[in-house]
Amino acid sequence: MVIPSGIDPRYGELMILRNIALIYHSMDEKEQSGQILKEHNEAGIFNAEIGLMMALDGDKSNECRKYLMDSCIQSISNMLNTSIGFIVFYINCGDLEKVRSVSKWCIDYLESMNAGNEINYLDKVKCAFLTCYGYAIFRLEGEEKGGKQLIKARNLARKFDASPDYCIYTKFYDSKDKAGSYDTFGKTANEAVETALEFIKDRKFKSLWEKING
């Protein structure tokens, strides 16, 4: 009530409540701190803070684990959405070096997060980033090298689509714990490649994909 509404979104009610909760926690008023965050955890905005505080307090419960898992999925989703935004932005700007570096980082990130024990949602998303990476390589290093990346995308897409699993398995938690997610790339991994091609908007590169994908 002290700060005028709309003056700066960084100082909204939820952020003020978060800071109050952190102060309570630093004063060893942990129950009060947790109660504030849980009561105002709109759209899971405080999942990371709640999970961290519970873990620091020695909590071993499934509730603590669930908060941390949900925060992990949110973090992955936010990072991938941000990365796609950067890639499209750099495509719009014609900065292919940046497209290559961001796409490669995303591929490495997904591979580092993936538990690697079975095909899952992260592999579907990886197909889109392989396509973006292949486009940058196609323009910077030639058709042959760009085509090799599209072949990787095709092979992974076919593997996923043959036995799709939209759950996420990461190294942060056991594979038996399935965390689900969704995106705007389409239902199949092949559609994820096609969606990436739509925002790339390069006719020659799309023709190369059609040739490779049969």
C-alpha atoms as a PDB file:
ATOM      1  CA  MET A   1       0.000   0.000   0.000  1.00  0.00           C
ATOM      2  CA  VAL A   2       2.995   2.299   0.497  1.00  0.00           C
ATOM      3  CA  ILE A   3       4.207   1.977  -3.102  1.00  0.00           C
ATOM      4  CA  PRO A   4       1.851   3.295  -5.815  1.00  0.00           C
ATOM      5  CA  SER A   5       0.389   0.546  -7.988  1.00  0.00           C
ATOM      6  CA  GLY A   6       2.126   0.114 -11.351  1.00  0.00           C
ATOM      7  CA  ILE A   7       5.183   2.255 -10.563  1.00  0.00           C
ATOM      8  CA  ASP A   8       7.559  -0.649 -11.172  1.00  0.00           C
ATOM      9  CA  PRO A   9       6.634  -4.359 -11.554  1.00  0.00           C
ATOM     10  CA  ARG A  10       9.779  -5.330  -9.637  1.00  0.00           C
ATOM     11  CA  TYR A  11       8.216  -3.858  -6.511  1.00  0.00           C
ATOM     12  CA  GLY A  12       4.805  -5.529  -6.637  1.00  0.00           C
ATOM     13  CA  GLU A  13       3.060  -7.156  -3.706  1.00  0.00           C
ATOM     14  CA  LEU A  14       4.464 -10.641  -4.319  1.00  0.00           C
ATOM     15  CA  MET A  15       8.053  -9.432  -4.356  1.00  0.00           C
ATOM     16  CA  ILE A  16       7.532  -7.452  -1.155  1.00  0.00           C
ATOM     17  CA  LEU A  17       6.040 -10.549   0.500  1.00  0.00           C
ATOM     18  CA  ARG A  18       9.020 -12.587  -0.728  1.00  0.00           C
ATOM     19  CA  ASN A  19      11.450 -10.137   0.888  1.00  0.00           C
ATOM     20  CA  ILE A  20       9.460 -10.177   4.126  1.00  0.00           C
ATOM     21  CA  ALA A  21       9.611 -13.997   4.128  1.00  0.00           C
ATOM     22  CA  LEU A  22      13.385 -13.951   3.556  1.00  0.00           C
ATOM     23  CA  ILE A  23      13.819 -11.533   6.464  1.00  0.00           C
ATOM     24  CA  TYR A  24      11.733 -13.799   8.710  1.00  0.00           C
ATOM     25  CA  HIS A  25      13.921 -16.742   7.687  1.00  0.00           C
ATOM     26  CA  SER A  26      17.124 -14.817   8.458  1.00  0.00           C
ATOM     27  CA  MET A  27      15.655 -14.025  11.897  1.00  0.00           C
ATOM     28  CA  ASP A  28      15.107 -17.771  12.456  1.00  0.00           C
ATOM     29  CA  GLU A  29      11.325 -17.324  12.178  1.00  0.00           C
ATOM     30  CA  LYS A  30      11.255 -20.202   9.703  1.00  0.00           C
ATOM     31  CA  GLU A  31       7.663 -21.306  10.158  1.00  0.00           C
ATOM     32  CA  GLN A  32       6.386 -17.791   9.519  1.00  0.00           C
ATOM     33  CA  SER A  33       8.670 -17.452   6.506  1.00  0.00           C
ATOM     34  CA  GLY A  34       7.473 -20.677   4.912  1.00  0.00           C
ATOM     35  CA  GLN A  35       3.832 -19.884   5.588  1.00  0.00           C
ATOM     36  CA  ILE A  36       4.050 -16.545   3.768  1.00  0.00           C
ATOM     37  CA  LEU A  37       5.690 -18.062   0.694  1.00  0.00           C
ATOM     38  CA  LYS A  38       3.329 -21.046   0.488  1.00  0.00           C
ATOM     39  CA  GLU A  39       0.219 -18.898   0.888  1.00  0.00           C
ATOM     40  CA  HIS A  40       1.305 -16.591  -1.938  1.00  0.00           C
ATOM     41  CA  ASN A  41       2.963 -19.099  -4.270  1.00  0.00           C
ATOM     42  CA  GLU A  42       1.000 -18.000  -7.327  1.00  0.00           C
ATOM     43  CA  ALA A  43       1.857 -20.084 -10.410  1.00  0.00           C
ATOM     44  CA  GLY A  44       4.726 -21.617  -8.415  1.00  0.00           C
ATOM     45  CA  ILE A  45       6.637 -18.333  -8.353  1.00  0.00           C
ATOM     46  CA  PHE A  46       8.283 -19.202  -5.013  1.00  0.00           C
ATOM     47  CA  ASN A  47       8.944 -22.911  -5.624  1.00  0.00           C
ATOM     48  CA  ALA A  48      12.719 -22.418  -5.627  1.00  0.00           C
ATOM     49  CA  GLU A  49      12.753 -20.379  -2.413  1.00  0.00           C
ATOM     50  CA  ILE A  50      10.393 -22.763  -0.594  1.00  0.00           C
ATOM     51  CA  GLY A  51      12.335 -25.851  -1.665  1.00  0.00           C
ATOM     52  CA  LEU A  52      15.673 -24.285  -0.759  1.00  0.00           C
ATOM     53  CA  MET A  53      14.520 -23.115   2.678  1.00  0.00           C
ATOM     54  CA  MET A  54      12.977 -26.491   3.481  1.00  0.00           C
ATOM     55  CA  ALA A  55      16.160 -28.294   2.433  1.00  0.00           C
ATOM     56  CA  LEU A  56      18.360 -25.910   4.439  1.00  0.00           C
ATOM     57  CA  ASP A  57      16.185 -26.629   7.459  1.00  0.00           C
ATOM     58  CA  GLY A  58      16.962 -30.327   7.115  1.00  0.00           C
ATOM     59  CA  ASP A  59      13.694 -31.338   5.441  1.00  0.00           C
ATOM     60  CA  LYS A  60      13.737 -34.774   3.758  1.00  0.00           C
ATOM     61  CA  SER A  61      10.060 -34.926   2.842  1.00  0.00           C
ATOM     62  CA  ASN A  62       8.463 -35.565  -0.540  1.00  0.00           C
ATOM     63  CA  GLU A  63       6.911 -32.113  -0.237  1.00  0.00           C
ATOM     64  CA  CYS A  64      10.344 -30.484  -0.238  1.00  0.00           C
ATOM     65  CA  ARG A  65      11.419 -32.642  -3.162  1.00  0.00           C
ATOM     66  CA  LYS A  66       8.268 -31.714  -5.089  1.00  0.00           C
ATOM     67  CA  TYR A  67       8.936 -27.995  -4.685  1.00  0.00           C
ATOM     68  CA  LEU A  68      12.496 -28.471  -5.951  1.00  0.00           C
ATOM     69  CA  MET A  69      11.373 -30.643  -8.880  1.00  0.00           C
ATOM     70  CA  ASP A  70       8.726 -28.131  -9.935  1.00  0.00           C
ATOM     71  CA  SER A  71      11.289 -25.334  -9.696  1.00  0.00           C
ATOM     72  CA  CYS A  72      13.698 -27.358 -11.833  1.00  0.00           C
ATOM     73  CA  ILE A  73      11.088 -27.805 -14.580  1.00  0.00           C
ATOM     74  CA  GLN A  74      10.221 -24.114 -14.440  1.00  0.00           C
ATOM     75  CA  SER A  75      13.901 -23.214 -14.770  1.00  0.00           C
ATOM     76  CA  ILE A  76      14.362 -25.497 -17.778  1.00  0.00           C
ATOM     77  CA  SER A  77      11.243 -24.082 -19.432  1.00  0.00           C
ATOM     78  CA  ASN A  78      12.280 -20.475 -18.818  1.00  0.00           C
ATOM     79  CA  MET A  79      15.796 -21.081 -20.101  1.00  0.00           C
ATOM     80  CA  LEU A  80      14.566 -22.779 -23.280  1.00  0.00           C
ATOM     81  CA  ASN A  81      11.967 -20.076 -23.978  1.00  0.00           C
ATOM     82  CA  THR A  82      14.580 -17.368 -23.443  1.00  0.00           C
ATOM     83  CA  SER A  83      17.035 -19.180 -25.700  1.00  0.00           C
ATOM     84  CA  ILE A  84      14.470 -19.558 -28.480  1.00  0.00           C
ATOM     85  CA  GLY A  85      13.742 -15.851 -28.141  1.00  0.00           C
ATOM     86  CA  PHE A  86      17.429 -15.021 -28.534  1.00  0.00           C
ATOM     87  CA  ILE A  87      17.798 -17.335 -31.524  1.00  0.00           C
ATOM     88  CA  VAL A  88      14.819 -15.799 -33.326  1.00  0.00           C
ATOM     89  CA  PHE A  89      16.069 -12.321 -32.427  1.00  0.00           C
ATOM     90  CA  TYR A  90      19.520 -13.037 -33.890  1.00  0.00           C
ATOM     91  CA  ILE A  91      17.957 -14.621 -36.983  1.00  0.00           C
ATOM     92  CA  ASN A  92      15.966 -11.417 -37.441  1.00  0.00           C
ATOM     93  CA  CYS A  93      19.194  -9.414 -37.048  1.00  0.00           C
ATOM     94  CA  GLY A  94      21.127 -11.653 -39.422  1.00  0.00           C
ATOM     95  CA  ASP A  95      23.732 -12.497 -36.754  1.00  0.00           C
ATOM     96  CA  LEU A  96      24.430 -16.108 -37.668  1.00  0.00           C
ATOM     97  CA  GLU A  97      27.442 -16.385 -35.362  1.00  0.00           C
ATOM     98  CA  LYS A  98      25.150 -15.721 -32.406  1.00  0.00           C
ATOM     99  CA  VAL A  99      22.548 -18.155 -33.765  1.00  0.00           C
ATOM    100  CA  ARG A 100      25.236 -20.820 -33.929  1.00  0.00           C
ATOM    101  CA  SER A 101      26.636 -20.180 -30.447  1.00  0.00           C
ATOM    102  CA  VAL A 102      23.252 -19.951 -28.686  1.00  0.00           C
ATOM    103  CA  SER A 103      21.891 -23.040 -30.451  1.00  0.00           C
ATOM    104  CA  LYS A 104      25.006 -25.056 -29.622  1.00  0.00           C
ATOM    105  CA  TRP A 105      24.822 -23.962 -25.992  1.00  0.00           C
ATOM    106  CA  CYS A 106      21.185 -25.124 -25.854  1.00  0.00           C
ATOM    107  CA  ILE A 107      22.081 -28.521 -27.297  1.00  0.00           C
ATOM    108  CA  ASP A 108      24.881 -28.937 -24.750  1.00  0.00           C
ATOM    109  CA  TYR A 109      22.565 -27.749 -21.960  1.00  0.00           C
ATOM    110  CA  LEU A 110      19.878 -30.303 -22.841  1.00  0.00           C
ATOM    111  CA  GLU A 111      22.445 -33.082 -23.057  1.00  0.00           C
ATOM    112  CA  SER A 112      23.898 -32.132 -19.668  1.00  0.00           C
ATOM    113  CA  MET A 113      20.431 -32.077 -18.048  1.00  0.00           C
ATOM    114  CA  ASN A 114      19.156 -35.289 -19.617  1.00  0.00           C
ATOM    115  CA  ALA A 115      19.439 -38.368 -17.414  1.00  0.00           C
ATOM    116  CA  GLY A 116      20.230 -40.260 -20.607  1.00  0.00           C
ATOM    117  CA  ASN A 117      18.469 -43.464 -19.638  1.00  0.00           C
ATOM    118  CA  GLU A 118      15.620 -43.287 -22.143  1.00  0.00           C
ATOM    119  CA  ILE A 119      14.047 -41.106 -24.799  1.00  0.00           C
ATOM    120  CA  ASN A 120      12.020 -38.235 -23.328  1.00  0.00           C
ATOM    121  CA  TYR A 121      10.680 -34.722 -23.826  1.00  0.00           C
ATOM    122  CA  LEU A 122      14.143 -33.118 -23.742  1.00  0.00           C
ATOM    123  CA  ASP A 123      15.037 -35.052 -26.902  1.00  0.00           C
ATOM    124  CA  LYS A 124      12.006 -33.617 -28.696  1.00  0.00           C
ATOM    125  CA  VAL A 125      13.061 -30.064 -27.859  1.00  0.00           C
ATOM    126  CA  LYS A 126      16.647 -30.856 -28.837  1.00  0.00           C
ATOM    127  CA  CYS A 127      15.433 -31.526 -32.400  1.00  0.00           C
ATOM    128  CA  ALA A 128      14.378 -27.880 -32.736  1.00  0.00           C
ATOM    129  CA  PHE A 129      17.746 -26.600 -31.508  1.00  0.00           C
ATOM    130  CA  LEU A 130      19.612 -29.008 -33.800  1.00  0.00           C
ATOM    131  CA  THR A 131      17.633 -27.468 -36.660  1.00  0.00           C
ATOM    132  CA  CYS A 132      18.579 -23.928 -35.621  1.00  0.00           C
ATOM    133  CA  TYR A 133      22.208 -24.958 -35.189  1.00  0.00           C
ATOM    134  CA  GLY A 134      22.132 -26.672 -38.570  1.00  0.00           C
ATOM    135  CA  TYR A 135      20.807 -23.504 -40.189  1.00  0.00           C
ATOM    136  CA  ALA A 136      23.671 -21.412 -38.805  1.00  0.00           C
ATOM    137  CA  ILE A 137      26.180 -24.038 -39.944  1.00  0.00           C
ATOM    138  CA  PHE A 138      24.443 -24.200 -43.341  1.00  0.00           C
ATOM    139  CA  ARG A 139      24.906 -20.465 -43.860  1.00  0.00           C
ATOM    140  CA  LEU A 140      28.349 -20.130 -42.288  1.00  0.00           C
ATOM    141  CA  GLU A 141      30.074 -23.371 -43.288  1.00  0.00           C
ATOM    142  CA  GLY A 142      28.161 -24.747 -46.237  1.00  0.00           C
ATOM    143  CA  GLU A 143      25.394 -27.151 -47.188  1.00  0.00           C
ATOM    144  CA  GLU A 144      27.266 -30.368 -46.439  1.00  0.00           C
ATOM    145  CA  LYS A 145      28.003 -29.498 -42.813  1.00  0.00           C
ATOM    146  CA  GLY A 146      24.578 -27.980 -42.286  1.00  0.00           C
ATOM    147  CA  GLY A 147      23.001 -31.109 -43.709  1.00  0.00           C
ATOM    148  CA  LYS A 148      24.809 -33.280 -41.164  1.00  0.00           C
ATOM    149  CA  GLN A 149      23.060 -31.417 -38.361  1.00  0.00           C
ATOM    150  CA  LEU A 150      19.707 -31.894 -40.068  1.00  0.00           C
ATOM    151  CA  ILE A 151      20.420 -35.607 -40.320  1.00  0.00           C
ATOM    152  CA  LYS A 152      21.008 -35.649 -36.548  1.00  0.00           C
ATOM    153  CA  ALA A 153      17.707 -33.827 -36.056  1.00  0.00           C
ATOM    154  CA  ARG A 154      15.901 -36.244 -38.375  1.00  0.00           C
ATOM    155  CA  ASN A 155      17.315 -39.350 -36.691  1.00  0.00           C
ATOM    156  CA  LEU A 156      16.499 -38.098 -33.200  1.00  0.00           C
ATOM    157  CA  ALA A 157      13.020 -36.977 -34.290  1.00  0.00           C
ATOM    158  CA  ARG A 158      12.237 -40.384 -35.745  1.00  0.00           C
ATOM    159  CA  LYS A 159      13.505 -42.097 -32.613  1.00  0.00           C
ATOM    160  CA  PHE A 160      11.322 -39.917 -30.395  1.00  0.00           C
ATOM    161  CA  ASP A 161       8.230 -40.142 -32.584  1.00  0.00           C
ATOM    162  CA  ALA A 162       8.514 -43.939 -32.760  1.00  0.00           C
ATOM    163  CA  SER A 163       8.011 -44.081 -28.990  1.00  0.00           C
ATOM    164  CA  PRO A 164       7.120 -40.607 -27.679  1.00  0.00           C
ATOM    165  CA  ASP A 165       7.410 -39.774 -23.998  1.00  0.00           C
ATOM    166  CA  TYR A 166       6.471 -36.244 -22.958  1.00  0.00           C
ATOM    167  CA  CYS A 167       7.862 -36.605 -19.457  1.00  0.00           C
ATOM    168  CA  ILE A 168      11.188 -35.124 -18.399  1.00  0.00           C
ATOM    169  CA  TYR A 169      13.988 -37.113 -16.799  1.00  0.00           C
ATOM    170  CA  THR A 170      16.891 -35.061 -15.495  1.00  0.00           C
ATOM    171  CA  LYS A 171      19.968 -35.767 -13.391  1.00  0.00           C
ATOM    172  CA  PHE A 172      18.372 -33.808 -10.542  1.00  0.00           C
ATOM    173  CA  TYR A 173      15.910 -36.561  -9.655  1.00  0.00           C
ATOM    174  CA  ASP A 174      15.347 -40.277 -10.262  1.00  0.00           C
ATOM    175  CA  SER A 175      13.913 -41.306 -13.602  1.00  0.00           C
ATOM    176  CA  LYS A 176      10.914 -42.875 -11.842  1.00  0.00           C
ATOM    177  CA  ASP A 177       9.761 -39.341 -11.055  1.00  0.00           C
ATOM    178  CA  LYS A 178       8.178 -38.111 -14.260  1.00  0.00           C
ATOM    179  CA  ALA A 179       7.813 -34.372 -14.624  1.00  0.00           C
ATOM    180  CA  GLY A 180       5.758 -33.300 -17.617  1.00  0.00           C
ATOM    181  CA  SER A 181       5.993 -30.226 -19.792  1.00  0.00           C
ATOM    182  CA  TYR A 182       4.644 -28.776 -23.014  1.00  0.00           C
ATOM    183  CA  ASP A 183       5.613 -26.262 -25.664  1.00  0.00           C
ATOM    184  CA  THR A 184       4.416 -24.624 -28.875  1.00  0.00           C
ATOM    185  CA  PHE A 185       6.630 -26.717 -31.167  1.00  0.00           C
ATOM    186  CA  GLY A 186       3.882 -29.221 -31.948  1.00  0.00           C
ATOM    187  CA  LYS A 187       3.012 -32.694 -30.751  1.00  0.00           C
ATOM    188  CA  THR A 188       5.761 -34.623 -32.532  1.00  0.00           C
ATOM    189  CA  ALA A 189       9.499 -34.125 -32.788  1.00  0.00           C
ATOM    190  CA  ASN A 190       9.154 -33.856 -36.555  1.00  0.00           C
ATOM    191  CA  GLU A 191       6.712 -30.985 -36.010  1.00  0.00           C
ATOM    192  CA  ALA A 192       9.293 -29.362 -33.720  1.00  0.00           C
ATOM    193  CA  VAL A 193      11.736 -29.337 -36.636  1.00  0.00           C
ATOM    194  CA  GLU A 194       9.041 -27.957 -38.963  1.00  0.00           C
ATOM    195  CA  THR A 195       8.200 -25.209 -36.451  1.00  0.00           C
ATOM    196  CA  ALA A 196      11.859 -24.215 -36.220  1.00  0.00           C
ATOM    197  CA  LEU A 197      12.000 -24.045 -40.000  1.00  0.00           C
ATOM    198  CA  GLU A 198       8.991 -21.713 -39.990  1.00  0.00           C
ATOM    199  CA  PHE A 199      10.691 -19.054 -37.910  1.00  0.00           C
ATOM    200  CA  ILE A 200      14.001 -19.527 -39.739  1.00  0.00           C
ATOM    201  CA  LYS A 201      12.231 -18.708 -43.032  1.00  0.00           C
ATOM    202  CA  ASP A 202      14.963 -19.900 -45.399  1.00  0.00           C
ATOM    203  CA  ARG A 203      13.650 -21.626 -48.526  1.00  0.00           C
ATOM    204  CA  LYS A 204      16.951 -23.278 -49.469  1.00  0.00           C
ATOM    205  CA  PHE A 205      17.427 -24.647 -45.967  1.00  0.00           C
ATOM    206  CA  LYS A 206      13.850 -25.939 -45.866  1.00  0.00           C
ATOM    207  CA  SER A 207      14.368 -27.621 -49.233  1.00  0.00           C
ATOM    208  CA  LEU A 208      17.452 -29.324 -47.825  1.00  0.00           C
ATOM    209  CA  TRP A 209      15.378 -30.610 -44.911  1.00  0.00           C
ATOM    210  CA  GLU A 210      12.670 -31.937 -47.230  1.00  0.00           C
ATOM    211  CA  LYS A 211      15.345 -33.767 -49.217  1.00  0.00           C
ATOM    212  CA  ILE A 212      16.932 -35.261 -46.088  1.00  0.00           C
ATOM    213  CA  ASN A 213      13.625 -36.143 -44.438  1.00  0.00           C
ATOM    214  CA  GLY A 214      12.291 -37.802 -47.552  1.00  0.00           C
END
